[in-house]
């Protein structure tokens, strides 16, 4: 049995199909990654993209913001990044003798936190309240973030210098952990074909942005903020039977009882997993969740949450756990 997804199926929901088609027009290949990102957006979850530089992590985030018309911001993490650089700060105005709050980049709908493991633990912690409670507190004042609010964080797993591993509490806030991976041979040929022949640094200062150049080809964004909020609301109403709830609870317990696991999946993992399963059902055009909606999201939901003992890959444990728990058969929508 393989817990990995059967992505590539045409989504049943026409709105989702348009989003994915638009993403494919801005990027090359990796339909599975696009589907998981859209699934996370509909579920209202955050995503950690772990991969080497040059794979296209930033490109994917910018493309997602372009086709959804969401307010986009980027935080480039460095060791000297301050929490105020993320959430904002209060600025004193001598004209009236008052402090006024200046929002940071976290006050966007889609926030790319690039190379998150280069930020210090203090700055990483500034994201925790925002990711979990959709709010930030500055100088004792609480500021609510506008929905939808989605964090896409990237990290380079091979960089050890000047890097700070993410704590378990922060990893648990991410719905999915994804890896884009190298492109397929035919996709890499297309990437090379689209690469700019040259640029004028004195005029441009940087290479042309492939996404920005292609966004102009879209007559309008495929979906806007209100449309995404409507998808999220519909997803929350997708039916889940009691049998499937018990099934998911059994899978969660199995991750905690496996002798190869030092730390299993948390209750938060289960709640987020069910939200993602509902989103996947909506994407497939169904009003109810089926076992495949749960099983096929197991790896991206669990891979960053399980603390496997030495010599064991989390993916192996996930596959074995799914094999060990009986799948509900027959009618599962009642």
C-alpha atoms as a PDB file:
ATOM      1  CA  UNK A   1       0.000   0.000   0.000  1.00  0.00           C
ATOM      2  CA  UNK A   2       1.231   3.493  -0.753  1.00  0.00           C
ATOM      3  CA  UNK A   3      -0.109   6.442   1.209  1.00  0.00           C
ATOM      4  CA  UNK A   4       1.038   8.936  -1.348  1.00  0.00           C
ATOM      5  CA  UNK A   5      -1.610  10.711  -3.364  1.00  0.00           C
ATOM      6  CA  UNK A   6      -3.121   9.884  -6.725  1.00  0.00           C
ATOM      7  CA  UNK A   7      -2.838  13.520  -7.778  1.00  0.00           C
ATOM      8  CA  UNK A   8      -3.346  14.379 -11.381  1.00  0.00           C
ATOM      9  CA  UNK A   9      -7.055  13.513 -11.304  1.00  0.00           C
ATOM     10  CA  UNK A  10      -9.202  16.316 -12.664  1.00  0.00           C
ATOM     11  CA  UNK A  11     -10.826  18.171  -9.756  1.00  0.00           C
ATOM     12  CA  UNK A  12     -14.596  17.930  -9.732  1.00  0.00           C
ATOM     13  CA  UNK A  13     -15.077  21.552  -8.657  1.00  0.00           C
ATOM     14  CA  UNK A  14     -14.861  23.922 -11.630  1.00  0.00           C
ATOM     15  CA  UNK A  15     -13.493  26.787  -9.512  1.00  0.00           C
ATOM     16  CA  UNK A  16     -10.629  24.613  -8.301  1.00  0.00           C
ATOM     17  CA  UNK A  17      -9.916  23.440 -11.835  1.00  0.00           C
ATOM     18  CA  UNK A  18      -9.585  27.059 -12.996  1.00  0.00           C
ATOM     19  CA  UNK A  19      -7.166  27.848 -10.165  1.00  0.00           C
ATOM     20  CA  UNK A  20      -4.989  24.848 -10.975  1.00  0.00           C
ATOM     21  CA  UNK A  21      -5.026  25.558 -14.697  1.00  0.00           C
ATOM     22  CA  UNK A  22      -3.954  29.150 -14.020  1.00  0.00           C
ATOM     23  CA  UNK A  23      -1.139  27.952 -11.761  1.00  0.00           C
ATOM     24  CA  UNK A  24       0.070  25.643 -14.523  1.00  0.00           C
ATOM     25  CA  UNK A  25       0.151  28.599 -16.911  1.00  0.00           C
ATOM     26  CA  UNK A  26       2.522  30.430 -14.544  1.00  0.00           C
ATOM     27  CA  UNK A  27       4.701  27.531 -13.434  1.00  0.00           C
ATOM     28  CA  UNK A  28       5.995  24.333 -15.025  1.00  0.00           C
ATOM     29  CA  UNK A  29       5.103  20.859 -13.752  1.00  0.00           C
ATOM     30  CA  UNK A  30       4.487  19.755 -10.162  1.00  0.00           C
ATOM     31  CA  UNK A  31       0.707  19.477 -10.387  1.00  0.00           C
ATOM     32  CA  UNK A  32       0.730  17.513  -7.115  1.00  0.00           C
ATOM     33  CA  UNK A  33       2.345  20.422  -5.270  1.00  0.00           C
ATOM     34  CA  UNK A  34      -0.180  22.866  -6.747  1.00  0.00           C
ATOM     35  CA  UNK A  35      -3.098  20.685  -5.666  1.00  0.00           C
ATOM     36  CA  UNK A  36      -1.771  20.389  -2.130  1.00  0.00           C
ATOM     37  CA  UNK A  37      -1.227  24.145  -1.894  1.00  0.00           C
ATOM     38  CA  UNK A  38      -4.773  24.823  -3.086  1.00  0.00           C
ATOM     39  CA  UNK A  39      -6.049  22.193  -0.637  1.00  0.00           C
ATOM     40  CA  UNK A  40      -4.224  23.970   2.188  1.00  0.00           C
ATOM     41  CA  UNK A  41      -5.663  27.337   1.146  1.00  0.00           C
ATOM     42  CA  UNK A  42      -9.207  25.988   1.158  1.00  0.00           C
ATOM     43  CA  UNK A  43      -8.567  24.356   4.541  1.00  0.00           C
ATOM     44  CA  UNK A  44      -7.111  27.606   5.876  1.00  0.00           C
ATOM     45  CA  UNK A  45      -3.828  25.887   6.755  1.00  0.00           C
ATOM     46  CA  UNK A  46      -0.179  26.881   6.614  1.00  0.00           C
ATOM     47  CA  UNK A  47       2.449  25.090   4.520  1.00  0.00           C
ATOM     48  CA  UNK A  48       6.159  24.430   5.068  1.00  0.00           C
ATOM     49  CA  UNK A  49       8.076  23.845   1.829  1.00  0.00           C
ATOM     50  CA  UNK A  50      11.379  22.139   2.547  1.00  0.00           C
ATOM     51  CA  UNK A  51      13.758  21.888  -0.377  1.00  0.00           C
ATOM     52  CA  UNK A  52      17.096  22.977  -1.785  1.00  0.00           C
ATOM     53  CA  UNK A  53      17.572  26.420  -3.381  1.00  0.00           C
ATOM     54  CA  UNK A  54      16.639  26.965  -7.014  1.00  0.00           C
ATOM     55  CA  UNK A  55      13.715  24.531  -7.091  1.00  0.00           C
ATOM     56  CA  UNK A  56      11.025  27.220  -7.429  1.00  0.00           C
ATOM     57  CA  UNK A  57       9.638  27.636  -3.910  1.00  0.00           C
ATOM     58  CA  UNK A  58       9.312  31.414  -4.178  1.00  0.00           C
ATOM     59  CA  UNK A  59       7.969  31.138  -7.722  1.00  0.00           C
ATOM     60  CA  UNK A  60       5.128  28.879  -6.569  1.00  0.00           C
ATOM     61  CA  UNK A  61       4.154  31.250  -3.740  1.00  0.00           C
ATOM     62  CA  UNK A  62       4.069  34.295  -6.021  1.00  0.00           C
ATOM     63  CA  UNK A  63       2.056  32.404  -8.620  1.00  0.00           C
ATOM     64  CA  UNK A  64      -0.472  31.366  -5.988  1.00  0.00           C
ATOM     65  CA  UNK A  65      -0.899  34.970  -4.869  1.00  0.00           C
ATOM     66  CA  UNK A  66      -1.271  36.125  -8.470  1.00  0.00           C
ATOM     67  CA  UNK A  67      -4.077  33.758  -9.457  1.00  0.00           C
ATOM     68  CA  UNK A  68      -6.022  34.323  -6.213  1.00  0.00           C
ATOM     69  CA  UNK A  69      -5.612  38.125  -6.068  1.00  0.00           C
ATOM     70  CA  UNK A  70      -4.650  37.897  -2.394  1.00  0.00           C
ATOM     71  CA  UNK A  71      -2.610  40.564  -0.649  1.00  0.00           C
ATOM     72  CA  UNK A  72       0.916  39.137  -0.741  1.00  0.00           C
ATOM     73  CA  UNK A  73       3.955  39.887   1.415  1.00  0.00           C
ATOM     74  CA  UNK A  74       7.380  38.346   1.773  1.00  0.00           C
ATOM     75  CA  UNK A  75       9.609  38.069   4.841  1.00  0.00           C
ATOM     76  CA  UNK A  76      13.230  37.270   4.047  1.00  0.00           C
ATOM     77  CA  UNK A  77      14.578  35.639   7.197  1.00  0.00           C
ATOM     78  CA  UNK A  78      18.088  36.379   8.427  1.00  0.00           C
ATOM     79  CA  UNK A  79      19.806  35.908  11.763  1.00  0.00           C
ATOM     80  CA  UNK A  80      19.329  39.593  12.613  1.00  0.00           C
ATOM     81  CA  UNK A  81      15.607  39.662  11.768  1.00  0.00           C
ATOM     82  CA  UNK A  82      13.606  41.158  14.645  1.00  0.00           C
ATOM     83  CA  UNK A  83      10.051  40.206  15.684  1.00  0.00           C
ATOM     84  CA  UNK A  84       8.988  43.776  14.901  1.00  0.00           C
ATOM     85  CA  UNK A  85      10.191  43.243  11.318  1.00  0.00           C
ATOM     86  CA  UNK A  86       7.455  40.600  11.038  1.00  0.00           C
ATOM     87  CA  UNK A  87       4.497  41.833  13.095  1.00  0.00           C
ATOM     88  CA  UNK A  88       5.075  45.583  13.038  1.00  0.00           C
ATOM     89  CA  UNK A  89       5.841  48.224  15.620  1.00  0.00           C
ATOM     90  CA  UNK A  90       4.454  51.340  17.288  1.00  0.00           C
ATOM     91  CA  UNK A  91       5.907  54.592  15.930  1.00  0.00           C
ATOM     92  CA  UNK A  92       5.903  57.802  17.968  1.00  0.00           C
ATOM     93  CA  UNK A  93       4.489  60.835  16.172  1.00  0.00           C
ATOM     94  CA  UNK A  94       5.813  64.013  17.820  1.00  0.00           C
ATOM     95  CA  UNK A  95       3.196  66.169  16.073  1.00  0.00           C
ATOM     96  CA  UNK A  96       0.423  64.870  18.317  1.00  0.00           C
ATOM     97  CA  UNK A  97       2.497  63.062  20.931  1.00  0.00           C
ATOM     98  CA  UNK A  98       0.914  59.682  20.173  1.00  0.00           C
ATOM     99  CA  UNK A  99       2.146  56.214  19.208  1.00  0.00           C
ATOM    100  CA  UNK A 100       0.647  54.731  16.072  1.00  0.00           C
ATOM    101  CA  UNK A 101       0.867  51.122  15.035  1.00  0.00           C
ATOM    102  CA  UNK A 102       2.618  50.404  11.740  1.00  0.00           C
ATOM    103  CA  UNK A 103       1.649  46.907  10.566  1.00  0.00           C
ATOM    104  CA  UNK A 104       4.365  44.507   9.447  1.00  0.00           C
ATOM    105  CA  UNK A 105       4.244  42.109   6.492  1.00  0.00           C
ATOM    106  CA  UNK A 106       2.325  39.555   8.567  1.00  0.00           C
ATOM    107  CA  UNK A 107      -0.782  41.678   7.840  1.00  0.00           C
ATOM    108  CA  UNK A 108      -1.209  40.173   4.379  1.00  0.00           C
ATOM    109  CA  UNK A 109      -3.449  37.329   3.219  1.00  0.00           C
ATOM    110  CA  UNK A 110      -0.617  35.213   1.820  1.00  0.00           C
ATOM    111  CA  UNK A 111       2.733  35.579   3.581  1.00  0.00           C
ATOM    112  CA  UNK A 112       5.892  33.971   2.231  1.00  0.00           C
ATOM    113  CA  UNK A 113       8.377  33.440   5.079  1.00  0.00           C
ATOM    114  CA  UNK A 114      11.522  32.629   3.123  1.00  0.00           C
ATOM    115  CA  UNK A 115      14.234  30.521   4.778  1.00  0.00           C
ATOM    116  CA  UNK A 116      12.385  30.455   8.082  1.00  0.00           C
ATOM    117  CA  UNK A 117      15.124  28.403   9.753  1.00  0.00           C
ATOM    118  CA  UNK A 118      17.545  31.327   9.364  1.00  0.00           C
ATOM    119  CA  UNK A 119      15.451  33.448  11.741  1.00  0.00           C
ATOM    120  CA  UNK A 120      16.336  33.356  15.428  1.00  0.00           C
ATOM    121  CA  UNK A 121      14.021  31.483  17.826  1.00  0.00           C
ATOM    122  CA  UNK A 122      12.763  34.840  19.114  1.00  0.00           C
ATOM    123  CA  UNK A 123      11.700  35.908  15.643  1.00  0.00           C
ATOM    124  CA  UNK A 124      10.284  32.467  14.845  1.00  0.00           C
ATOM    125  CA  UNK A 125       8.131  32.711  17.974  1.00  0.00           C
ATOM    126  CA  UNK A 126       6.612  35.939  16.652  1.00  0.00           C
ATOM    127  CA  UNK A 127       4.872  33.805  14.039  1.00  0.00           C
ATOM    128  CA  UNK A 128       3.287  31.390  16.524  1.00  0.00           C
ATOM    129  CA  UNK A 129       0.469  33.625  17.727  1.00  0.00           C
ATOM    130  CA  UNK A 130      -0.288  34.770  14.191  1.00  0.00           C
ATOM    131  CA  UNK A 131      -0.382  31.246  12.762  1.00  0.00           C
ATOM    132  CA  UNK A 132      -2.529  29.777  15.523  1.00  0.00           C
ATOM    133  CA  UNK A 133      -4.802  32.631  16.614  1.00  0.00           C
ATOM    134  CA  UNK A 134      -4.847  34.883  13.549  1.00  0.00           C
ATOM    135  CA  UNK A 135      -3.765  37.834  15.644  1.00  0.00           C
ATOM    136  CA  UNK A 136      -0.638  39.590  16.917  1.00  0.00           C
ATOM    137  CA  UNK A 137       0.014  41.463  20.141  1.00  0.00           C
ATOM    138  CA  UNK A 138       2.253  44.534  20.103  1.00  0.00           C
ATOM    139  CA  UNK A 139       2.815  46.718  23.163  1.00  0.00           C
ATOM    140  CA  UNK A 140      -0.113  45.059  24.912  1.00  0.00           C
ATOM    141  CA  UNK A 141      -2.514  45.747  22.035  1.00  0.00           C
ATOM    142  CA  UNK A 142      -4.046  42.887  20.060  1.00  0.00           C
ATOM    143  CA  UNK A 143      -4.433  43.304  16.308  1.00  0.00           C
ATOM    144  CA  UNK A 144      -6.584  40.860  14.341  1.00  0.00           C
ATOM    145  CA  UNK A 145      -5.341  39.552  11.013  1.00  0.00           C
ATOM    146  CA  UNK A 146      -7.643  39.642   8.008  1.00  0.00           C
ATOM    147  CA  UNK A 147      -8.938  36.340   6.683  1.00  0.00           C
ATOM    148  CA  UNK A 148      -7.878  34.443   4.752  1.00  0.00           C
ATOM    149  CA  UNK A 149      -4.459  34.256   6.368  1.00  0.00           C
ATOM    150  CA  UNK A 150      -2.006  31.680   5.058  1.00  0.00           C
ATOM    151  CA  UNK A 151       1.711  31.330   5.749  1.00  0.00           C
ATOM    152  CA  UNK A 152       3.962  29.621   3.199  1.00  0.00           C
ATOM    153  CA  UNK A 153       7.350  29.071   4.808  1.00  0.00           C
ATOM    154  CA  UNK A 154      10.423  27.704   3.075  1.00  0.00           C
ATOM    155  CA  UNK A 155      13.565  26.172   4.473  1.00  0.00           C
ATOM    156  CA  UNK A 156      16.726  24.595   3.084  1.00  0.00           C
ATOM    157  CA  UNK A 157      17.287  21.258   4.858  1.00  0.00           C
ATOM    158  CA  UNK A 158      20.957  21.153   3.866  1.00  0.00           C
ATOM    159  CA  UNK A 159      21.940  24.467   5.452  1.00  0.00           C
ATOM    160  CA  UNK A 160      23.351  24.000   8.942  1.00  0.00           C
ATOM    161  CA  UNK A 161      25.353  27.221   9.254  1.00  0.00           C
ATOM    162  CA  UNK A 162      23.415  30.105  10.809  1.00  0.00           C
ATOM    163  CA  UNK A 163      20.267  27.955  10.906  1.00  0.00           C
ATOM    164  CA  UNK A 164      17.896  27.365  13.813  1.00  0.00           C
ATOM    165  CA  UNK A 165      15.800  24.181  13.665  1.00  0.00           C
ATOM    166  CA  UNK A 166      12.077  24.826  14.013  1.00  0.00           C
ATOM    167  CA  UNK A 167      10.705  23.782  17.406  1.00  0.00           C
ATOM    168  CA  UNK A 168       8.069  21.068  17.573  1.00  0.00           C
ATOM    169  CA  UNK A 169       5.427  23.587  18.658  1.00  0.00           C
ATOM    170  CA  UNK A 170       5.955  25.601  15.482  1.00  0.00           C
ATOM    171  CA  UNK A 171       6.137  22.610  13.165  1.00  0.00           C
ATOM    172  CA  UNK A 172       2.772  21.493  14.523  1.00  0.00           C
ATOM    173  CA  UNK A 173       1.198  24.736  13.260  1.00  0.00           C
ATOM    174  CA  UNK A 174       1.862  23.756   9.653  1.00  0.00           C
ATOM    175  CA  UNK A 175      -0.884  21.749   7.995  1.00  0.00           C
ATOM    176  CA  UNK A 176       1.441  20.295   5.341  1.00  0.00           C
ATOM    177  CA  UNK A 177       5.140  19.876   4.807  1.00  0.00           C
ATOM    178  CA  UNK A 178       5.937  19.605   1.112  1.00  0.00           C
ATOM    179  CA  UNK A 179       8.968  19.079  -1.070  1.00  0.00           C
ATOM    180  CA  UNK A 180       8.890  20.346  -4.650  1.00  0.00           C
ATOM    181  CA  UNK A 181      11.796  18.229  -5.877  1.00  0.00           C
ATOM    182  CA  UNK A 182      13.662  18.340  -9.159  1.00  0.00           C
ATOM    183  CA  UNK A 183      11.574  18.774 -12.321  1.00  0.00           C
ATOM    184  CA  UNK A 184      10.830  15.943 -14.706  1.00  0.00           C
ATOM    185  CA  UNK A 185      13.120  15.907 -17.791  1.00  0.00           C
ATOM    186  CA  UNK A 186      10.484  17.341 -20.128  1.00  0.00           C
ATOM    187  CA  UNK A 187       9.574  20.034 -17.581  1.00  0.00           C
ATOM    188  CA  UNK A 188      13.214  21.023 -17.186  1.00  0.00           C
ATOM    189  CA  UNK A 189      13.497  21.452 -20.939  1.00  0.00           C
ATOM    190  CA  UNK A 190      10.492  23.800 -20.802  1.00  0.00           C
ATOM    191  CA  UNK A 191      12.065  25.731 -17.909  1.00  0.00           C
ATOM    192  CA  UNK A 192      15.237  26.173 -19.959  1.00  0.00           C
ATOM    193  CA  UNK A 193      13.180  27.249 -22.964  1.00  0.00           C
ATOM    194  CA  UNK A 194      11.474  29.947 -20.897  1.00  0.00           C
ATOM    195  CA  UNK A 195      14.668  31.172 -19.212  1.00  0.00           C
ATOM    196  CA  UNK A 196      15.533  34.783 -20.126  1.00  0.00           C
ATOM    197  CA  UNK A 197      18.237  35.080 -22.778  1.00  0.00           C
ATOM    198  CA  UNK A 198      19.819  37.943 -20.889  1.00  0.00           C
ATOM    199  CA  UNK A 199      19.107  41.010 -18.839  1.00  0.00           C
ATOM    200  CA  UNK A 200      20.620  44.423 -18.336  1.00  0.00           C
ATOM    201  CA  UNK A 201      21.607  44.681 -14.677  1.00  0.00           C
ATOM    202  CA  UNK A 202      22.181  48.413 -15.012  1.00  0.00           C
ATOM    203  CA  UNK A 203      18.577  48.873 -16.125  1.00  0.00           C
ATOM    204  CA  UNK A 204      16.784  46.111 -14.334  1.00  0.00           C
ATOM    205  CA  UNK A 205      18.915  45.380 -11.286  1.00  0.00           C
ATOM    206  CA  UNK A 206      17.719  41.782 -11.359  1.00  0.00           C
ATOM    207  CA  UNK A 207      16.613  39.005 -13.669  1.00  0.00           C
ATOM    208  CA  UNK A 208      13.116  39.291 -15.147  1.00  0.00           C
ATOM    209  CA  UNK A 209      10.388  37.824 -12.957  1.00  0.00           C
ATOM    210  CA  UNK A 210       8.746  35.031 -14.962  1.00  0.00           C
ATOM    211  CA  UNK A 211       5.583  35.183 -12.865  1.00  0.00           C
ATOM    212  CA  UNK A 212       5.207  38.949 -13.172  1.00  0.00           C
ATOM    213  CA  UNK A 213       5.678  38.717 -16.932  1.00  0.00           C
ATOM    214  CA  UNK A 214       3.000  36.049 -17.247  1.00  0.00           C
ATOM    215  CA  UNK A 215       0.470  37.534 -14.832  1.00  0.00           C
ATOM    216  CA  UNK A 216      -0.286  40.148 -17.476  1.00  0.00           C
ATOM    217  CA  UNK A 217      -1.546  37.321 -19.687  1.00  0.00           C
ATOM    218  CA  UNK A 218      -4.337  36.626 -17.190  1.00  0.00           C
ATOM    219  CA  UNK A 219      -7.333  38.787 -18.034  1.00  0.00           C
ATOM    220  CA  UNK A 220      -8.186  38.815 -14.339  1.00  0.00           C
ATOM    221  CA  UNK A 221      -7.406  36.758 -11.224  1.00  0.00           C
ATOM    222  CA  UNK A 222      -9.091  33.376 -11.259  1.00  0.00           C
ATOM    223  CA  UNK A 223     -10.571  33.871  -7.801  1.00  0.00           C
ATOM    224  CA  UNK A 224     -10.568  36.749  -5.335  1.00  0.00           C
ATOM    225  CA  UNK A 225     -10.549  36.989  -1.567  1.00  0.00           C
ATOM    226  CA  UNK A 226     -14.330  36.653  -1.257  1.00  0.00           C
ATOM    227  CA  UNK A 227     -14.321  33.654  -3.571  1.00  0.00           C
ATOM    228  CA  UNK A 228     -11.668  31.897  -1.494  1.00  0.00           C
ATOM    229  CA  UNK A 229     -13.579  32.663   1.708  1.00  0.00           C
ATOM    230  CA  UNK A 230     -16.660  31.117   0.088  1.00  0.00           C
ATOM    231  CA  UNK A 231     -14.691  27.960  -0.737  1.00  0.00           C
ATOM    232  CA  UNK A 232     -13.454  27.786   2.849  1.00  0.00           C
ATOM    233  CA  UNK A 233     -17.003  28.151   4.169  1.00  0.00           C
ATOM    234  CA  UNK A 234     -18.267  25.407   1.839  1.00  0.00           C
ATOM    235  CA  UNK A 235     -15.400  23.158   2.892  1.00  0.00           C
ATOM    236  CA  UNK A 236     -16.335  23.515   6.568  1.00  0.00           C
ATOM    237  CA  UNK A 237     -19.794  22.125   5.751  1.00  0.00           C
ATOM    238  CA  UNK A 238     -18.521  18.964   4.034  1.00  0.00           C
ATOM    239  CA  UNK A 239     -20.025  15.955   5.822  1.00  0.00           C
ATOM    240  CA  UNK A 240     -17.815  13.545   7.794  1.00  0.00           C
ATOM    241  CA  UNK A 241     -19.384  10.361   9.157  1.00  0.00           C
ATOM    242  CA  UNK A 242     -18.774   9.166  12.708  1.00  0.00           C
ATOM    243  CA  UNK A 243     -17.116   6.056  11.299  1.00  0.00           C
ATOM    244  CA  UNK A 244     -14.502   8.182   9.564  1.00  0.00           C
ATOM    245  CA  UNK A 245     -13.953  10.255  12.691  1.00  0.00           C
ATOM    246  CA  UNK A 246     -13.280   7.042  14.633  1.00  0.00           C
ATOM    247  CA  UNK A 247     -11.025   5.831  11.821  1.00  0.00           C
ATOM    248  CA  UNK A 248      -8.914   8.991  11.920  1.00  0.00           C
ATOM    249  CA  UNK A 249      -8.689   8.793  15.718  1.00  0.00           C
ATOM    250  CA  UNK A 250      -7.423   5.203  15.428  1.00  0.00           C
ATOM    251  CA  UNK A 251      -4.755   6.273  12.933  1.00  0.00           C
ATOM    252  CA  UNK A 252      -3.621   9.072  15.250  1.00  0.00           C
ATOM    253  CA  UNK A 253      -3.377   6.686  18.187  1.00  0.00           C
ATOM    254  CA  UNK A 254      -1.426   4.212  16.069  1.00  0.00           C
ATOM    255  CA  UNK A 255       1.243   6.840  15.391  1.00  0.00           C
ATOM    256  CA  UNK A 256       1.640   7.363  19.135  1.00  0.00           C
ATOM    257  CA  UNK A 257       1.808   3.653  19.974  1.00  0.00           C
ATOM    258  CA  UNK A 258       4.320   2.654  17.308  1.00  0.00           C
ATOM    259  CA  UNK A 259       7.559   1.514  18.945  1.00  0.00           C
ATOM    260  CA  UNK A 260       9.591   3.314  16.274  1.00  0.00           C
ATOM    261  CA  UNK A 261       8.090   6.704  17.167  1.00  0.00           C
ATOM    262  CA  UNK A 262       9.402   8.957  19.930  1.00  0.00           C
ATOM    263  CA  UNK A 263       6.613  11.507  19.400  1.00  0.00           C
ATOM    264  CA  UNK A 264       3.336  10.812  17.622  1.00  0.00           C
ATOM    265  CA  UNK A 265       0.703  13.027  16.041  1.00  0.00           C
ATOM    266  CA  UNK A 266      -0.969  15.620  18.259  1.00  0.00           C
ATOM    267  CA  UNK A 267      -4.714  16.273  18.559  1.00  0.00           C
ATOM    268  CA  UNK A 268      -4.084  19.480  16.597  1.00  0.00           C
ATOM    269  CA  UNK A 269      -2.722  17.332  13.774  1.00  0.00           C
ATOM    270  CA  UNK A 270      -5.982  15.399  13.680  1.00  0.00           C
ATOM    271  CA  UNK A 271      -8.118  18.541  13.593  1.00  0.00           C
ATOM    272  CA  UNK A 272      -6.059  20.032  10.767  1.00  0.00           C
ATOM    273  CA  UNK A 273      -6.035  16.705   8.920  1.00  0.00           C
ATOM    274  CA  UNK A 274      -9.824  16.573   8.964  1.00  0.00           C
ATOM    275  CA  UNK A 275     -10.040  20.140   7.643  1.00  0.00           C
ATOM    276  CA  UNK A 276      -7.732  19.143   4.796  1.00  0.00           C
ATOM    277  CA  UNK A 277      -9.811  16.025   4.074  1.00  0.00           C
ATOM    278  CA  UNK A 278     -12.922  18.194   3.809  1.00  0.00           C
ATOM    279  CA  UNK A 279     -11.085  20.538   1.440  1.00  0.00           C
ATOM    280  CA  UNK A 280      -9.973  17.608  -0.709  1.00  0.00           C
ATOM    281  CA  UNK A 281     -13.537  16.293  -0.899  1.00  0.00           C
ATOM    282  CA  UNK A 282     -14.741  19.706  -2.074  1.00  0.00           C
ATOM    283  CA  UNK A 283     -11.958  19.826  -4.665  1.00  0.00           C
ATOM    284  CA  UNK A 284     -13.152  16.460  -6.002  1.00  0.00           C
ATOM    285  CA  UNK A 285     -16.723  17.749  -6.237  1.00  0.00           C
ATOM    286  CA  UNK A 286     -18.142  15.768  -3.309  1.00  0.00           C
ATOM    287  CA  UNK A 287     -20.230  16.920  -0.348  1.00  0.00           C
ATOM    288  CA  UNK A 288     -18.813  14.215   1.930  1.00  0.00           C
ATOM    289  CA  UNK A 289     -15.435  12.788   2.949  1.00  0.00           C
ATOM    290  CA  UNK A 290     -14.348   9.290   1.945  1.00  0.00           C
ATOM    291  CA  UNK A 291     -11.421   7.254   3.372  1.00  0.00           C
ATOM    292  CA  UNK A 292      -9.136   8.211   0.464  1.00  0.00           C
ATOM    293  CA  UNK A 293      -9.469  11.876   1.411  1.00  0.00           C
ATOM    294  CA  UNK A 294      -7.842  11.013   4.727  1.00  0.00           C
ATOM    295  CA  UNK A 295      -5.340   8.417   3.590  1.00  0.00           C
ATOM    296  CA  UNK A 296      -3.946  10.323   0.625  1.00  0.00           C
ATOM    297  CA  UNK A 297      -3.088  13.346   2.774  1.00  0.00           C
ATOM    298  CA  UNK A 298      -1.352  11.299   5.462  1.00  0.00           C
ATOM    299  CA  UNK A 299       2.242  11.950   4.364  1.00  0.00           C
ATOM    300  CA  UNK A 300       2.114  15.770   4.012  1.00  0.00           C
ATOM    301  CA  UNK A 301       0.133  16.033   7.279  1.00  0.00           C
ATOM    302  CA  UNK A 302       2.282  13.702   9.389  1.00  0.00           C
ATOM    303  CA  UNK A 303       5.806  13.686   7.972  1.00  0.00           C
ATOM    304  CA  UNK A 304       6.957  16.755   9.941  1.00  0.00           C
ATOM    305  CA  UNK A 305       5.098  15.782  13.100  1.00  0.00           C
ATOM    306  CA  UNK A 306       6.365  12.279  13.770  1.00  0.00           C
ATOM    307  CA  UNK A 307       9.643  12.045  15.632  1.00  0.00           C
ATOM    308  CA  UNK A 308      11.011   8.739  14.409  1.00  0.00           C
ATOM    309  CA  UNK A 309      13.772   6.940  16.228  1.00  0.00           C
ATOM    310  CA  UNK A 310      17.184   6.638  14.597  1.00  0.00           C
ATOM    311  CA  UNK A 311      17.333   4.740  11.322  1.00  0.00           C
ATOM    312  CA  UNK A 312      13.613   4.919  10.493  1.00  0.00           C
ATOM    313  CA  UNK A 313      12.006   7.169   7.892  1.00  0.00           C
ATOM    314  CA  UNK A 314       8.686   8.804   8.920  1.00  0.00           C
ATOM    315  CA  UNK A 315       7.178   7.903   5.532  1.00  0.00           C
ATOM    316  CA  UNK A 316       7.744   4.211   6.246  1.00  0.00           C
ATOM    317  CA  UNK A 317       5.975   4.502   9.591  1.00  0.00           C
ATOM    318  CA  UNK A 318       3.068   6.362   8.003  1.00  0.00           C
ATOM    319  CA  UNK A 319       2.589   3.680   5.363  1.00  0.00           C
ATOM    320  CA  UNK A 320       2.763   0.923   7.989  1.00  0.00           C
ATOM    321  CA  UNK A 321       0.286   2.689  10.266  1.00  0.00           C
ATOM    322  CA  UNK A 322      -2.214   3.114   7.442  1.00  0.00           C
ATOM    323  CA  UNK A 323      -1.840  -0.573   6.609  1.00  0.00           C
ATOM    324  CA  UNK A 324      -2.439  -1.571  10.242  1.00  0.00           C
ATOM    325  CA  UNK A 325      -5.705   0.316  10.801  1.00  0.00           C
ATOM    326  CA  UNK A 326      -8.792  -1.198   9.086  1.00  0.00           C
ATOM    327  CA  UNK A 327     -10.402   1.126   6.575  1.00  0.00           C
ATOM    328  CA  UNK A 328     -14.164   1.703   6.938  1.00  0.00           C
ATOM    329  CA  UNK A 329     -16.026  -0.082   4.147  1.00  0.00           C
ATOM    330  CA  UNK A 330     -19.453   0.401   2.663  1.00  0.00           C
ATOM    331  CA  UNK A 331     -21.568   3.454   3.428  1.00  0.00           C
ATOM    332  CA  UNK A 332     -19.423   6.155   5.078  1.00  0.00           C
ATOM    333  CA  UNK A 333     -21.513   9.285   4.567  1.00  0.00           C
ATOM    334  CA  UNK A 334     -24.167   8.692   7.230  1.00  0.00           C
END
